[in-house]
Amino acid sequence: MIKLHKYFLYNFLGLYIATLLISSVVSYYALKSIILENSKRELIDIVNIVDLNLENVDNLTQYINSIHTIADRRLTIIDEYGKVLAETNFNKEKMENHLKRIEIIQAKQSTFGSSVRLSATLNSQFLYVAKYTNSKKYIRVAQNLGSIEKEFYSIYIKIIIVYTIFMFIALIITSKISKRVSYDISQISNYLNEISNKNYKAVIKTQYFSEFLQISLLLKNLVKKLANRDKKKRKHEAKMRLINKQRNDILSAISHEFKNPIAAIMGYTETIRDDENININIRNKFLDKILSNGKKMSSMIDRLALSIKLENNDLSISFTEFDIFDLCIEVANNLKAKYKDRSIDLHIQHLKIHADKTMLELVLINLADNALKYSEDNIEITISDGILYVNDNGIGFAESEIEKITSKFYRVRTNSWDNSMGLGLAIVSFILKLHHTTLLISSQPNVGSSFGFDLKPLIK
């Protein structure tokens, strides 16, 4: 398959050569016609010069020979009956009657006559011009076409040489143009190859033609759109992978967390069903266990639903003004009922804030409940410089886990972190974000952890 720049080169050269040939043929006939016409005018001028002195000439042969010496042309004087009176190139006595010669017939009719024909006398092609004078004689001047053709071919060869020089110049220029076209095309081709390999940062540098520059600009705009589309596609794929991972995490978390309560409920229920004479106290104890595990499962489901609503912004919040001091006391008392052998130390002061009290209570319960679960000593709730902290001296976790700890379904595996399906801190983060504040976390393994949030954005 011929490449574009070669196709351009071949077509250009073909067109140029064809033009050259046609122009050569046209110039050949045009130049020949011009030379013949100029020669005819020259012969007419000679005829007129001869005619000026013809009536005063006594010796015609001597006279036309003198003209022949100067003009180097064949001259013939013919009477009105066609008899040759004088001839420069041949014996007039041996010449035929010329009355029926074409140029003589034309001259008789319109003063001047001309013809191109083979001379029977000299056996050569001649251009003849004849004039019928007032003295009733014919003056005829002839020029051998050999000399005319020699002059013609001399000029024509010069023209061909000029054409050839121009052809070589055109070939050189076309070759350079072809190379430049080839360069720009190779740049575009290489760029497209890079783009096909998704190298959207590839560079294209066309240098010579504005058309290719325009194409390169269009390609760059197209590549920019492709890059953005590819980026969106990757983001969408990453999002879908994350959704699939979250779905698997949900199923895994639900399966893991619900396994023990369901097993307990089934075990206690089967025991009660199979033993009709079971002691009433044991029966009530088992029923309490069933109820407790049912509540635990209900709480897990509520947390999951709340997390999904918060993440999808489907949960509206209601801001009211209340004292954070009272809320901390209420949360501490509720947790003490659950953890009867644990103590919660409060270092707080009265502070009016503007927030959703129910949501903020959920935040405090999650933070304090986690602190109680993963530590054996007392915990403390502190307000210092407008920041509320929940501190413990528990198992802690590595600093590298801090960014992950608020992710849904995430647990610190090395510490068997159990955060009720890993939703507690995720819910806390969502709620605090709705209140224009963030969760503050610091921890050291086997030293303890501190969870808190800034209250200043909530102060009106």
Protein backbone atom coordinates (compact mmCIF):
# COMPACT_ATOMS: atom_id res chain seq x y z
CA MET A 1 0.00 0.00 0.00
CA ILE A 2 1.43 3.40 -1.02
CA LYS A 3 1.94 5.85 1.82
CA LEU A 4 0.24 9.24 1.67
CA HIS A 5 3.41 11.30 1.17
CA LYS A 6 4.60 8.94 -1.60
CA TYR A 7 1.18 9.05 -3.21
CA PHE A 8 1.39 12.83 -3.11
CA LEU A 9 4.93 12.72 -4.57
CA TYR A 10 4.04 10.31 -7.38
CA ASN A 11 0.89 12.20 -8.33
CA PHE A 12 2.70 15.52 -8.26
CA LEU A 13 5.53 14.22 -10.42
CA GLY A 14 3.10 12.51 -12.78
CA LEU A 15 1.08 15.68 -13.13
CA TYR A 16 4.23 17.75 -13.60
CA ILE A 17 5.69 15.39 -16.24
CA ALA A 18 2.36 15.23 -18.07
CA THR A 19 2.16 19.01 -17.99
CA LEU A 20 5.74 19.19 -19.25
CA LEU A 21 5.04 16.81 -22.13
CA ILE A 22 1.85 18.58 -23.16
CA SER A 23 3.52 21.98 -22.90
CA SER A 24 6.48 20.63 -24.90
CA VAL A 25 4.22 19.42 -27.71
CA VAL A 26 2.20 22.64 -27.69
CA SER A 27 5.35 24.76 -27.58
CA TYR A 28 6.83 22.66 -30.38
CA TYR A 29 4.02 23.50 -32.82
CA ALA A 30 3.56 27.02 -31.50
CA LEU A 31 7.26 27.76 -31.77
CA LYS A 32 7.44 26.23 -35.25
CA SER A 33 4.49 28.32 -36.35
CA ILE A 34 6.04 31.47 -34.89
CA ILE A 35 9.39 30.83 -36.59
CA LEU A 36 7.70 30.17 -39.93
CA GLU A 37 5.63 33.33 -39.55
CA ASN A 38 8.70 35.39 -38.68
CA SER A 39 10.57 33.88 -41.61
CA LYS A 40 7.64 34.74 -43.92
CA ARG A 41 7.71 38.37 -42.72
CA GLU A 42 11.45 38.47 -43.29
CA LEU A 43 11.00 37.18 -46.84
CA ILE A 44 8.23 39.74 -47.48
CA ASP A 45 10.61 42.49 -46.37
CA ILE A 46 13.26 41.22 -48.80
CA VAL A 47 10.66 41.07 -51.62
CA ASN A 48 9.65 44.68 -50.92
CA ILE A 49 13.30 45.80 -50.91
CA VAL A 50 13.89 44.09 -54.28
CA ASP A 51 10.71 45.63 -55.66
CA LEU A 52 11.85 49.17 -54.81
CA ASN A 53 14.66 49.16 -57.39
CA LEU A 54 13.40 46.53 -59.82
CA GLU A 55 12.16 48.99 -62.51
CA ASN A 56 15.57 50.73 -62.66
CA VAL A 57 17.64 47.53 -62.90
CA ASP A 58 19.12 46.57 -66.29
CA ASN A 59 20.79 43.32 -65.23
CA LEU A 60 18.33 41.30 -63.12
CA THR A 61 20.72 38.40 -62.51
CA GLN A 62 23.44 40.65 -61.17
CA TYR A 63 20.98 42.55 -59.02
CA ILE A 64 19.38 39.53 -57.34
CA ASN A 65 22.80 37.92 -56.85
CA SER A 66 23.89 41.00 -54.90
CA ILE A 67 20.76 40.71 -52.75
CA HIS A 68 21.40 36.98 -52.31
CA THR A 69 24.94 37.72 -51.10
CA ILE A 70 23.58 40.06 -48.41
CA ALA A 71 20.39 38.22 -47.36
CA ASP A 72 21.49 34.62 -48.05
CA ARG A 73 18.12 33.81 -49.56
CA ARG A 74 17.14 32.27 -52.91
CA LEU A 75 15.65 34.88 -55.29
CA THR A 76 13.75 34.36 -58.55
CA ILE A 77 12.34 36.89 -61.01
CA ILE A 78 9.42 35.59 -63.14
CA ASP A 79 7.54 37.36 -65.93
CA GLU A 80 3.78 37.55 -66.10
CA TYR A 81 3.67 34.39 -68.26
CA GLY A 82 5.61 32.23 -65.77
CA LYS A 83 8.99 32.31 -67.47
CA VAL A 84 12.00 32.55 -65.13
CA LEU A 85 13.92 35.74 -65.95
CA ALA A 86 16.60 35.42 -63.25
CA GLU A 87 17.50 32.82 -60.55
CA THR A 88 20.25 32.84 -57.91
CA ASN A 89 20.53 29.12 -57.21
CA PHE A 90 19.91 27.42 -60.52
CA ASN A 91 20.26 27.84 -64.31
CA LYS A 92 17.15 29.72 -65.39
CA GLU A 93 17.25 28.11 -68.80
CA LYS A 94 16.62 24.69 -67.33
CA MET A 95 13.75 25.75 -65.09
CA GLU A 96 10.10 25.00 -65.85
CA ASN A 97 7.32 27.54 -66.25
CA HIS A 98 6.28 28.80 -62.77
CA LEU A 99 2.87 30.18 -63.57
CA LYS A 100 1.14 27.28 -61.81
CA ARG A 101 3.16 27.48 -58.62
CA ILE A 102 0.91 28.05 -55.58
CA GLU A 103 2.70 31.18 -54.39
CA ILE A 104 2.54 32.65 -57.95
CA ILE A 105 -1.19 31.96 -58.23
CA GLN A 106 -1.82 33.59 -54.78
CA ALA A 107 0.34 36.60 -55.67
CA LYS A 108 -1.59 37.07 -58.92
CA GLN A 109 -4.81 37.15 -56.93
CA SER A 110 -3.77 39.25 -53.90
CA THR A 111 -0.33 40.79 -54.51
CA PHE A 112 1.42 38.38 -52.07
CA GLY A 113 1.47 34.60 -52.01
CA SER A 114 3.26 31.96 -49.93
CA SER A 115 3.67 28.21 -49.71
CA VAL A 116 5.78 25.49 -48.09
CA ARG A 117 6.63 22.72 -50.52
CA LEU A 118 9.30 20.54 -52.00
CA SER A 119 11.38 22.29 -54.66
CA ALA A 120 11.48 20.09 -57.77
CA THR A 121 14.53 22.02 -58.92
CA LEU A 122 16.67 21.63 -55.75
CA ASN A 123 14.83 18.60 -54.26
CA SER A 124 14.49 20.28 -50.83
CA GLN A 125 11.72 21.79 -48.68
CA PHE A 126 11.42 25.56 -49.08
CA LEU A 127 9.30 28.39 -47.72
CA TYR A 128 8.28 30.57 -50.70
CA VAL A 129 7.00 34.14 -50.70
CA ALA A 130 6.03 35.82 -54.00
CA LYS A 131 4.84 39.30 -54.99
CA TYR A 132 3.23 40.51 -58.20
CA THR A 133 4.70 43.94 -58.95
CA ASN A 134 3.44 46.93 -60.91
CA SER A 135 5.95 46.08 -63.64
CA LYS A 136 3.99 42.87 -64.21
CA LYS A 137 6.78 40.67 -62.87
CA TYR A 138 6.83 38.20 -59.99
CA ILE A 139 9.51 38.54 -57.31
CA ARG A 140 9.92 35.31 -55.38
CA VAL A 141 12.14 34.77 -52.31
CA ALA A 142 12.67 31.32 -50.81
CA GLN A 143 14.31 30.00 -47.64
CA ASN A 144 15.43 26.44 -47.18
CA LEU A 145 13.41 24.90 -44.32
CA GLY A 146 16.52 23.08 -43.18
CA SER A 147 17.92 26.33 -41.82
CA ILE A 148 14.54 27.19 -40.28
CA GLU A 149 14.30 23.79 -38.58
CA LYS A 150 17.89 24.12 -37.40
CA GLU A 151 17.00 27.41 -35.73
CA PHE A 152 13.78 25.90 -34.39
CA TYR A 153 15.51 22.88 -32.87
CA SER A 154 18.17 25.11 -31.30
CA ILE A 155 15.50 27.14 -29.52
CA TYR A 156 13.42 24.05 -28.67
CA ILE A 157 16.41 22.26 -27.09
CA LYS A 158 17.03 25.32 -24.93
CA ILE A 159 13.40 25.22 -23.82
CA ILE A 160 13.67 21.49 -23.04
CA ILE A 161 16.82 22.16 -20.99
CA VAL A 162 14.97 24.85 -19.02
CA TYR A 163 12.02 22.46 -18.50
CA THR A 164 14.41 19.74 -17.33
CA ILE A 165 16.10 22.08 -14.86
CA PHE A 166 12.71 23.07 -13.52
CA MET A 167 11.75 19.39 -13.29
CA PHE A 168 14.81 18.63 -11.15
CA ILE A 169 14.11 21.66 -8.97
CA ALA A 170 10.49 20.52 -8.64
CA LEU A 171 11.70 17.01 -7.79
CA ILE A 172 13.97 18.33 -5.04
CA ILE A 173 11.24 20.58 -3.64
CA THR A 174 8.68 17.76 -3.84
CA SER A 175 11.10 15.40 -2.11
CA LYS A 176 11.56 17.88 0.73
CA ILE A 177 7.81 18.40 0.98
CA SER A 178 7.34 14.62 0.96
CA LYS A 179 9.84 14.22 3.82
CA ARG A 180 8.07 16.91 5.82
CA VAL A 181 4.69 15.31 5.18
CA SER A 182 6.20 11.96 6.17
CA TYR A 183 7.57 13.46 9.39
CA ASP A 184 4.25 15.00 10.42
CA ILE A 185 2.36 11.82 9.55
CA SER A 186 4.84 9.70 11.54
CA GLN A 187 4.34 12.03 14.53
CA ILE A 188 0.57 11.57 14.31
CA SER A 189 0.96 7.81 13.78
CA ASN A 190 3.30 7.39 16.77
CA TYR A 191 0.95 9.51 18.89
CA LEU A 192 -2.03 7.32 17.96
CA ASN A 193 0.00 4.20 18.82
CA GLU A 194 0.79 5.66 22.24
CA ILE A 195 -2.87 6.54 22.79
CA SER A 196 -3.92 3.02 21.76
CA ASN A 197 -1.68 1.82 24.61
CA LYS A 198 -3.47 4.32 26.90
CA ASN A 199 -0.44 6.56 27.27
CA TYR A 200 -2.49 9.75 27.49
CA LYS A 201 0.59 11.80 28.40
CA ALA A 202 2.23 11.17 25.02
CA VAL A 203 3.51 14.22 23.11
CA ILE A 204 2.77 15.08 19.47
CA LYS A 205 4.92 17.66 17.62
CA THR A 206 3.91 18.37 14.03
CA GLN A 207 6.19 21.07 12.60
CA TYR A 208 5.56 21.85 8.96
CA PHE A 209 1.89 21.94 7.93
CA SER A 210 -0.97 23.86 9.52
CA GLU A 211 -3.42 21.11 8.47
CA PHE A 212 -1.49 18.51 10.48
CA LEU A 213 -1.19 20.98 13.36
CA GLN A 214 -4.97 21.34 13.34
CA ILE A 215 -5.33 17.54 13.30
CA SER A 216 -2.90 17.25 16.23
CA LEU A 217 -4.88 19.83 18.22
CA LEU A 218 -8.11 17.93 17.54
CA LEU A 219 -6.38 14.70 18.60
CA LYS A 220 -5.16 16.32 21.82
CA ASN A 221 -8.69 17.46 22.65
CA LEU A 222 -9.99 13.98 21.86
CA VAL A 223 -7.28 12.37 24.01
CA LYS A 224 -8.11 14.74 26.84
CA LYS A 225 -11.73 13.61 26.68
CA LEU A 226 -10.64 9.96 26.50
CA ALA A 227 -8.36 10.44 29.50
CA ASN A 228 -11.19 12.02 31.52
CA ARG A 229 -13.56 9.27 30.42
CA ASP A 230 -11.00 6.61 31.33
CA LYS A 231 -10.43 8.29 34.68
CA LYS A 232 -14.17 8.33 35.34
CA LYS A 233 -14.34 4.70 34.26
CA ARG A 234 -11.56 3.75 36.69
CA LYS A 235 -13.27 5.69 39.47
CA HIS A 236 -16.55 3.96 38.67
CA GLU A 237 -14.84 0.56 38.64
CA ALA A 238 -13.10 1.37 41.93
CA LYS A 239 -16.43 2.48 43.37
CA MET A 240 -18.10 -0.72 42.19
CA ARG A 241 -15.27 -2.78 43.69
CA LEU A 242 -15.68 -0.86 46.94
CA ILE A 243 -19.44 -1.44 46.88
CA ASN A 244 -18.90 -5.14 46.26
CA LYS A 245 -16.33 -5.23 49.05
CA GLN A 246 -18.72 -3.41 51.38
CA ARG A 247 -21.48 -5.81 50.44
CA ASN A 248 -19.21 -8.75 51.21
CA ASP A 249 -18.10 -7.04 54.42
CA ILE A 250 -21.74 -6.55 55.43
CA LEU A 251 -22.55 -10.19 54.80
CA SER A 252 -19.39 -11.29 56.59
CA ALA A 253 -20.00 -8.97 59.54
CA ILE A 254 -23.66 -9.94 59.85
CA SER A 255 -22.76 -13.61 59.57
CA HIS A 256 -20.04 -13.25 62.20
CA GLU A 257 -21.92 -11.05 64.68
CA PHE A 258 -25.27 -12.78 64.40
CA LYS A 259 -23.80 -16.26 64.68
CA ASN A 260 -23.36 -16.31 68.46
CA PRO A 261 -26.72 -14.67 69.41
CA ILE A 262 -28.62 -16.91 67.01
CA ALA A 263 -26.79 -19.99 68.30
CA ALA A 264 -27.61 -18.96 71.88
CA ILE A 265 -31.28 -18.34 71.08
CA MET A 266 -31.56 -21.69 69.28
CA GLY A 267 -29.77 -23.54 72.10
CA TYR A 268 -31.88 -22.08 74.90
CA THR A 269 -35.09 -22.53 72.89
CA GLU A 270 -34.35 -26.20 72.12
CA THR A 271 -33.56 -26.85 75.80
CA ILE A 272 -36.88 -25.34 76.92
CA ARG A 273 -38.78 -27.23 74.19
CA ASP A 274 -37.17 -30.61 74.89
CA ASP A 275 -37.44 -30.45 78.71
CA GLU A 276 -41.06 -29.95 79.73
CA ASN A 277 -40.22 -30.36 83.42
CA ILE A 278 -37.42 -27.78 83.47
CA ASN A 279 -37.11 -25.77 86.68
CA ILE A 280 -39.08 -22.53 86.46
CA ASN A 281 -36.08 -20.44 87.55
CA ILE A 282 -33.86 -22.01 84.91
CA ARG A 283 -36.64 -21.56 82.36
CA ASN A 284 -36.94 -17.86 83.20
CA LYS A 285 -33.16 -17.49 83.09
CA PHE A 286 -33.05 -19.07 79.64
CA LEU A 287 -35.90 -16.84 78.46
CA ASP A 288 -33.95 -13.80 79.72
CA LYS A 289 -30.95 -15.00 77.72
CA ILE A 290 -33.10 -15.39 74.62
CA LEU A 291 -34.52 -11.90 75.15
CA SER A 292 -31.05 -10.43 75.73
CA ASN A 293 -29.64 -11.95 72.51
CA GLY A 294 -32.73 -10.84 70.57
CA LYS A 295 -32.18 -7.28 71.83
CA LYS A 296 -28.52 -7.51 70.88
CA MET A 297 -29.45 -8.54 67.31
CA SER A 298 -32.08 -5.77 67.15
CA SER A 299 -29.43 -3.26 68.27
CA MET A 300 -27.02 -4.47 65.59
CA ILE A 301 -29.69 -4.09 62.91
CA ASP A 302 -30.56 -0.60 64.19
CA ARG A 303 -26.88 0.41 64.04
CA LEU A 304 -26.54 -0.90 60.48
CA ALA A 305 -29.70 0.92 59.36
CA LEU A 306 -28.54 4.12 61.07
CA SER A 307 -25.13 3.88 59.38
CA ILE A 308 -26.70 3.48 55.95
CA LYS A 309 -29.08 6.40 56.53
CA LEU A 310 -26.27 8.66 57.71
CA GLU A 311 -24.06 7.71 54.76
CA ASN A 312 -26.87 8.36 52.25
CA ASN A 313 -27.91 11.62 53.98
CA ASP A 314 -31.37 10.16 54.50
CA LEU A 315 -31.47 11.08 58.19
CA SER A 316 -32.57 14.55 59.23
CA ILE A 317 -31.18 16.06 62.42
CA SER A 318 -32.87 18.44 64.83
CA PHE A 319 -30.71 21.08 66.51
CA THR A 320 -31.57 22.20 70.04
CA GLU A 321 -29.67 24.00 72.79
CA PHE A 322 -28.63 21.95 75.82
CA ASP A 323 -25.86 21.61 78.41
CA ILE A 324 -23.17 19.07 77.51
CA PHE A 325 -22.52 18.65 81.26
CA ASP A 326 -25.99 17.15 81.80
CA LEU A 327 -25.64 14.87 78.78
CA CYS A 328 -22.31 13.49 80.04
CA ILE A 329 -23.84 12.76 83.47
CA GLU A 330 -26.79 10.97 81.84
CA VAL A 331 -24.57 8.82 79.59
CA ALA A 332 -22.23 7.93 82.49
CA ASN A 333 -25.15 6.83 84.69
CA ASN A 334 -26.63 4.64 81.90
CA LEU A 335 -23.30 2.91 81.27
CA LYS A 336 -22.67 2.36 84.99
CA ALA A 337 -25.87 0.33 85.05
CA LYS A 338 -24.42 -1.86 82.31
CA TYR A 339 -20.86 -2.02 83.69
CA LYS A 340 -21.61 -2.23 87.43
CA ASP A 341 -18.07 -3.02 88.49
CA ARG A 342 -16.50 -0.19 86.44
CA SER A 343 -16.07 3.49 87.15
CA ILE A 344 -16.37 6.50 84.85
CA ASP A 345 -14.48 9.58 86.04
CA LEU A 346 -15.90 12.92 84.90
CA HIS A 347 -13.78 16.08 84.55
CA ILE A 348 -16.34 18.31 82.88
CA GLN A 349 -17.94 21.74 83.24
CA HIS A 350 -21.20 23.33 82.22
CA LEU A 351 -21.21 24.33 78.52
CA LYS A 352 -24.19 25.25 76.39
CA ILE A 353 -24.04 23.82 72.85
CA HIS A 354 -26.34 23.80 69.81
CA ALA A 355 -26.69 20.25 68.42
CA ASP A 356 -28.94 17.21 67.95
CA LYS A 357 -29.04 15.89 71.50
CA THR A 358 -30.07 12.33 70.53
CA MET A 359 -27.29 12.06 67.96
CA LEU A 360 -24.64 13.48 70.30
CA GLU A 361 -25.80 11.07 73.03
CA LEU A 362 -25.21 8.23 70.56
CA VAL A 363 -21.69 9.56 69.96
CA LEU A 364 -20.86 9.66 73.69
CA ILE A 365 -22.35 6.20 74.30
CA ASN A 366 -20.30 4.68 71.46
CA LEU A 367 -17.04 6.28 72.61
CA ALA A 368 -17.51 5.48 76.29
CA ASP A 369 -18.83 1.95 75.61
CA ASN A 370 -15.76 1.16 73.46
CA ALA A 371 -13.45 2.53 76.16
CA LEU A 372 -15.12 0.31 78.77
CA LYS A 373 -14.99 -2.76 76.53
CA TYR A 374 -11.32 -2.56 75.68
CA SER A 375 -9.85 -1.51 79.00
CA GLU A 376 -9.92 -2.98 82.49
CA ASP A 377 -9.27 0.22 84.47
CA ASN A 378 -11.53 3.18 84.92
CA ILE A 379 -12.17 5.50 82.02
CA GLU A 380 -12.61 9.26 82.08
CA ILE A 381 -14.65 11.83 80.19
CA THR A 382 -12.88 15.21 80.09
CA ILE A 383 -13.64 18.64 78.63
CA SER A 384 -10.52 20.76 78.13
CA ASP A 385 -10.12 23.89 75.97
CA GLY A 386 -13.48 23.24 74.34
CA ILE A 387 -12.61 19.64 73.34
CA LEU A 388 -14.37 16.60 74.81
CA TYR A 389 -12.17 13.51 75.36
CA VAL A 390 -12.99 9.91 76.31
CA ASN A 391 -9.75 8.36 77.63
CA ASP A 392 -8.92 4.78 78.62
CA ASN A 393 -5.85 2.81 79.66
CA GLY A 394 -6.73 -0.22 77.56
CA ILE A 395 -5.15 -2.31 74.81
CA GLY A 396 -4.79 0.57 72.34
CA PHE A 397 -3.77 0.14 68.71
CA ALA A 398 -1.02 1.17 66.30
CA GLU A 399 -0.88 4.64 64.77
CA SER A 400 -1.16 3.07 61.30
CA GLU A 401 -4.67 1.89 62.22
CA ILE A 402 -6.01 5.37 63.06
CA GLU A 403 -7.14 6.25 59.50
CA LYS A 404 -8.81 2.85 59.08
CA ILE A 405 -10.49 2.62 62.48
CA THR A 406 -13.49 4.75 61.42
CA SER A 407 -14.16 2.67 58.29
CA LYS A 408 -17.33 0.60 58.24
CA PHE A 409 -16.87 -3.03 59.28
CA TYR A 410 -13.19 -2.45 60.16
CA ARG A 411 -11.62 -3.96 63.28
CA VAL A 412 -8.11 -3.92 64.61
CA ARG A 413 -7.49 -7.64 64.16
CA THR A 414 -4.37 -7.80 66.29
CA ASN A 415 -6.42 -6.68 69.29
CA SER A 416 -9.60 -8.56 68.35
CA TRP A 417 -11.29 -5.19 68.06
CA ASP A 418 -15.03 -5.69 68.33
CA ASN A 419 -16.97 -2.61 67.47
CA SER A 420 -20.43 -4.08 66.90
CA MET A 421 -19.80 -5.01 63.29
CA GLY A 422 -17.26 -2.18 63.09
CA LEU A 423 -20.07 0.39 62.76
CA GLY A 424 -19.72 2.34 66.02
CA LEU A 425 -16.90 4.69 65.09
CA ALA A 426 -18.19 4.98 61.51
CA ILE A 427 -21.52 6.20 62.90
CA VAL A 428 -19.69 8.57 65.24
CA SER A 429 -17.72 10.06 62.35
CA PHE A 430 -20.87 10.57 60.26
CA ILE A 431 -22.73 12.28 63.12
CA LEU A 432 -19.82 14.59 63.95
CA LYS A 433 -19.49 15.49 60.26
CA LEU A 434 -23.15 16.56 60.26
CA HIS A 435 -22.26 18.82 63.21
CA HIS A 436 -19.27 20.32 61.31
CA THR A 437 -16.68 18.79 63.60
CA THR A 438 -14.43 15.71 63.39
CA LEU A 439 -13.39 12.74 65.46
CA LEU A 440 -9.96 13.13 67.12
CA ILE A 441 -8.08 9.87 67.82
CA SER A 442 -4.78 9.08 69.48
CA SER A 443 -3.60 5.68 70.73
CA GLN A 444 -0.60 3.59 71.70
CA PRO A 445 -0.60 -0.22 71.91
CA ASN A 446 -0.86 -1.48 75.52
CA VAL A 447 -0.97 2.13 76.80
CA GLY A 448 -4.44 3.36 75.96
CA SER A 449 -6.55 5.40 73.62
CA SER A 450 -8.16 8.82 73.49
CA PHE A 451 -11.25 9.62 71.41
CA GLY A 452 -12.73 13.11 71.26
CA PHE A 453 -14.24 15.93 69.25
CA ASP A 454 -14.15 19.72 69.20
CA LEU A 455 -17.15 21.38 70.85
CA LYS A 456 -16.34 24.94 69.67
CA PRO A 457 -18.25 24.61 66.32
CA LEU A 458 -21.35 23.72 68.42
CA ILE A 459 -21.17 26.76 70.68
CA LYS A 460 -23.54 29.58 69.69
